[in-house]
Amino acid sequence: MYVTDDDVDDFLAHYGKLGMKWGTRRAASRQNRSLNKASRAKDRAKFDTSIDKARDRVKSGATKATYAKAKDQYKRDKVKVGSREAKKVLYKAQAKQYNEINTSRAAKPTIKTWPSCCCGDNVCCCHY
C-alpha cells in the first residue's frame, strides 16, 4: 500500500512548541519547590544548632578537656598497646577538636534584606 499526497493531508500532527518539556506539570514543580524550601529550612536549622553546640563546647572548655583526656589515655595506652596504635586514638581526638573549633568559627547563613529608607522605599532616593 502506497501513501499519496492526498493521504498525508488527512493526518493530524502536533509537534508542540520548541523547548517544551513533555510530561511535566506546573503543579508538581510548585510542590517540589515548596518541599525544597522546607528541606533547606530544616537543613539550615540543623546546621545552626550544630554551630551553637560547637560554640558552647569551645566556650565551656569541653573540647580542651576531651583532648586532655585523650592525651592521658595516650600515655597509658602507649605502654599497653604500643605507641603507634595509641597515636591513632590521639589523632582522632585531635581531629575532632579541630573540627569543633572550625565549626564554632563558622558564620551562620543569614537572609539578606535591604534596609528600608526613611521615606519607606527600599532604595534611598532622598540622601543623594
Protein backbone atom coordinates (compact mmCIF):
# COMPACT_ATOMS: atom_id res chain seq x y z
CA MET A 1 0.00 0.00 0.00
CA TYR A 2 1.39 3.36 -1.01
CA VAL A 3 0.81 6.72 0.69
CA THR A 4 -0.13 9.52 -1.66
CA ASP A 5 -0.09 13.28 -1.15
CA ASP A 6 -3.85 13.28 -0.54
CA ASP A 7 -3.47 10.78 2.32
CA VAL A 8 -0.83 12.95 4.01
CA ASP A 9 -3.27 15.87 4.30
CA ASP A 10 -5.66 13.65 6.27
CA PHE A 11 -3.17 13.16 9.16
CA LEU A 12 -3.16 15.39 12.21
CA ALA A 13 0.34 16.02 13.53
CA HIS A 14 1.27 18.07 16.57
CA TYR A 15 4.89 18.65 17.43
CA GLY A 16 4.48 21.07 20.34
CA LYS A 17 6.49 24.19 20.92
CA LEU A 18 10.23 24.49 20.77
CA GLY A 19 11.74 23.74 24.18
CA MET A 20 8.53 22.25 25.51
CA LYS A 21 9.07 19.62 28.19
CA TRP A 22 6.76 16.70 27.79
CA GLY A 23 5.18 15.10 30.81
CA THR A 24 5.93 17.83 33.34
CA ARG A 25 3.18 19.58 35.23
CA ARG A 26 3.28 23.00 36.80
CA ALA A 27 1.56 21.84 39.96
CA ALA A 28 4.21 19.19 40.56
CA SER A 29 7.04 21.69 40.13
CA ARG A 30 5.36 24.10 42.54
CA GLN A 31 5.01 21.33 45.09
CA ASN A 32 8.66 20.37 44.66
CA ARG A 33 9.67 23.99 45.11
CA SER A 34 7.83 24.20 48.43
CA LEU A 35 9.34 20.88 49.54
CA ASN A 36 12.81 22.17 48.62
CA LYS A 37 12.23 25.33 50.67
CA ALA A 38 11.16 23.26 53.65
CA SER A 39 14.17 20.98 53.23
CA ARG A 40 16.55 23.94 53.03
CA ALA A 41 15.00 25.48 56.15
CA LYS A 42 15.34 22.17 58.01
CA ASP A 43 18.97 21.80 56.93
CA ARG A 44 19.72 25.40 57.90
CA ALA A 45 18.22 24.87 61.35
CA LYS A 46 20.25 21.67 61.80
CA PHE A 47 23.43 23.49 60.72
CA ASP A 48 22.69 26.38 63.09
CA THR A 49 22.23 24.03 66.04
CA SER A 50 25.49 22.24 65.24
CA ILE A 51 27.29 25.60 65.21
CA ASP A 52 25.68 26.57 68.52
CA LYS A 53 26.65 23.26 70.13
CA ALA A 54 30.24 23.58 68.91
CA ARG A 55 30.45 27.16 70.20
CA ASP A 56 29.12 26.10 73.59
CA ARG A 57 31.63 23.24 73.82
CA VAL A 58 34.51 25.55 72.90
CA LYS A 59 33.42 28.31 75.30
CA SER A 60 32.91 25.90 78.20
CA GLY A 61 36.28 24.26 77.63
CA ALA A 62 34.77 20.84 76.95
CA THR A 63 36.82 20.38 73.77
CA LYS A 64 40.07 21.05 75.62
CA ALA A 65 39.02 18.71 78.41
CA THR A 66 38.19 15.95 75.93
CA TYR A 67 41.56 16.37 74.24
CA ALA A 68 43.34 16.37 77.61
CA LYS A 69 41.61 13.08 78.47
CA ALA A 70 42.73 11.67 75.13
CA LYS A 71 46.32 12.71 75.90
CA ASP A 72 46.18 10.97 79.28
CA GLN A 73 44.72 7.88 77.64
CA TYR A 74 47.55 8.01 75.07
CA LYS A 75 50.14 7.99 77.83
CA ARG A 76 48.53 4.95 79.45
CA ASP A 77 47.92 3.08 76.18
CA LYS A 78 51.42 3.74 74.87
CA VAL A 79 52.78 1.17 77.27
CA LYS A 80 49.95 -1.35 76.94
CA VAL A 81 49.11 -1.26 73.22
CA GLY A 82 52.09 0.43 71.67
CA SER A 83 52.74 3.97 70.61
CA ARG A 84 51.54 3.51 67.03
CA GLU A 85 48.05 2.30 67.97
CA ALA A 86 47.80 4.82 70.80
CA LYS A 87 48.64 7.67 68.42
CA LYS A 88 45.74 6.68 66.16
CA VAL A 89 43.32 7.30 69.03
CA LEU A 90 45.04 10.56 69.89
CA TYR A 91 44.90 11.77 66.29
CA LYS A 92 41.17 11.05 66.13
CA ALA A 93 40.60 13.15 69.24
CA GLN A 94 42.79 15.90 67.82
CA ALA A 95 40.85 15.91 64.55
CA LYS A 96 37.57 16.08 66.46
CA GLN A 97 38.85 19.06 68.44
CA TYR A 98 39.92 20.89 65.28
CA ASN A 99 36.56 20.19 63.64
CA GLU A 100 34.67 21.58 66.62
CA ILE A 101 36.82 24.69 66.71
CA ASN A 102 36.39 25.28 62.98
CA THR A 103 32.65 24.67 63.22
CA SER A 104 32.37 27.12 66.09
CA ARG A 105 34.11 29.74 63.95
CA ALA A 106 31.72 29.23 61.04
CA ALA A 107 29.33 32.02 60.29
CA LYS A 108 25.65 31.25 60.32
CA PRO A 109 23.93 31.88 56.99
CA THR A 110 21.78 34.96 57.09
CA ILE A 111 18.96 36.11 54.87
CA LYS A 112 19.92 39.40 53.33
CA THR A 113 17.29 42.13 53.35
CA TRP A 114 17.53 45.64 52.09
CA PRO A 115 17.26 48.28 54.80
CA SER A 116 14.26 50.49 54.25
CA CYS A 117 14.76 54.20 53.74
CA CYS A 118 13.31 56.97 55.86
CA CYS A 119 10.74 57.55 53.13
CA GLY A 120 9.74 53.86 53.11
CA ASP A 121 11.40 52.89 49.84
CA ASN A 122 13.83 50.03 49.56
CA VAL A 123 16.22 52.19 47.58
CA CYS A 124 17.01 55.52 49.16
CA CYS A 125 16.28 58.43 46.88
CA CYS A 126 16.40 61.34 49.30
CA HIS A 127 20.01 61.25 50.51
CA TYR A 128 21.90 61.68 47.24
